[in-house]
Amino acid sequence: MIPELNFTPELHLRDGRVIRDLGDAAGFAREQQARPGVDQRDEVLHAIERAQTKEQAHAAAHMFVRWLEELDAIK
C-alpha cells in the first residue's frame, strides 16, 4: 500500500488530468507507453509502488514531478 502523500498544490497536466496524490501519480505512470528496457517511467513507477515510509513517498513524489517536467506534461 502506498503511503498517503498529497500534492500541494495539485498538479494540473496538459491533458486535463489532475494529480492529487501518489495513487493518481501511479495511475498516470502506468498508462504511459512503456519502452523496451528500463526507462525513467519504470523507475518512477517502481519508486512510487515500493514506497513504505513517508520519506520514501516524498522522494518518489519528487521523482514523479521531475519526470513530468521532462515530459513537459505540467501546465
Protein backbone atom coordinates (compact mmCIF):
# COMPACT_ATOMS: atom_id res chain seq x y z
CA MET A 1 0.00 0.00 0.00
CA ILE A 2 1.32 3.42 -0.99
CA PRO A 3 1.75 5.84 1.93
CA GLU A 4 -0.61 8.79 1.76
CA LEU A 5 1.00 11.84 0.23
CA ASN A 6 -0.96 14.66 -1.36
CA PHE A 7 0.49 17.07 -3.91
CA THR A 8 0.01 20.63 -2.71
CA PRO A 9 -0.83 22.35 -4.94
CA GLU A 10 -2.38 19.70 -7.15
CA LEU A 11 -0.59 19.02 -10.43
CA HIS A 12 -2.62 20.12 -13.45
CA LEU A 13 -1.48 18.31 -16.58
CA ARG A 14 -1.75 19.49 -20.15
CA ASP A 15 -4.18 16.64 -20.96
CA GLY A 16 -6.63 17.99 -18.36
CA ARG A 17 -5.87 15.41 -15.71
CA VAL A 18 -5.29 16.49 -12.12
CA ILE A 19 -2.79 14.57 -9.98
CA ARG A 20 -3.76 14.88 -6.33
CA ASP A 21 -1.80 12.09 -4.65
CA LEU A 22 0.63 9.24 -5.23
CA GLY A 23 -2.21 6.94 -6.27
CA ASP A 24 -3.07 9.33 -9.11
CA ALA A 25 0.64 9.55 -9.96
CA ALA A 26 1.00 5.77 -10.15
CA GLY A 27 -2.10 5.52 -12.33
CA PHE A 28 -0.74 8.13 -14.74
CA ALA A 29 2.66 6.41 -14.94
CA ARG A 30 1.04 3.02 -15.60
CA GLU A 31 -0.90 4.46 -18.54
CA GLN A 32 2.18 5.84 -20.29
CA GLN A 33 3.69 3.87 -23.15
CA ALA A 34 6.39 1.55 -21.89
CA ARG A 35 9.55 1.42 -23.97
CA PRO A 36 11.91 -1.53 -24.32
CA GLY A 37 14.40 -1.77 -21.49
CA VAL A 38 14.36 0.20 -18.29
CA ASP A 39 13.32 3.80 -18.73
CA GLN A 40 12.58 6.62 -16.34
CA ARG A 41 8.85 5.81 -16.32
CA ASP A 42 9.59 2.38 -14.87
CA GLU A 43 11.92 3.84 -12.25
CA VAL A 44 9.31 6.41 -11.21
CA LEU A 45 6.53 3.82 -11.03
CA HIS A 46 8.66 1.39 -9.03
CA ALA A 47 9.67 4.14 -6.60
CA ILE A 48 6.00 5.00 -6.01
CA GLU A 49 4.89 1.38 -5.68
CA ARG A 50 7.75 0.44 -3.33
CA ALA A 51 7.43 3.45 -1.03
CA GLN A 52 6.73 2.27 2.51
CA THR A 53 7.66 5.32 4.58
CA LYS A 54 6.78 8.98 4.32
CA GLU A 55 10.37 9.72 3.36
CA GLN A 56 10.28 7.20 0.50
CA ALA A 57 6.89 8.55 -0.61
CA HIS A 58 8.27 12.09 -0.59
CA ALA A 59 11.30 11.03 -2.66
CA ALA A 60 9.03 9.19 -5.12
CA ALA A 61 6.82 12.27 -5.44
CA HIS A 62 9.86 14.43 -6.29
CA MET A 63 11.00 11.87 -8.85
CA PHE A 64 7.50 11.88 -10.39
CA VAL A 65 7.40 15.69 -10.65
CA ARG A 66 10.87 15.80 -12.25
CA TRP A 67 9.72 13.17 -14.77
CA LEU A 68 6.59 15.21 -15.59
CA GLU A 69 8.74 18.30 -16.08
CA GLU A 70 10.96 16.41 -18.52
CA LEU A 71 7.83 15.30 -20.42
CA ASP A 72 6.60 18.92 -20.35
CA ALA A 73 3.30 17.50 -19.09
CA ILE A 74 2.52 20.09 -16.40
CA LYS A 75 0.52 23.19 -17.34
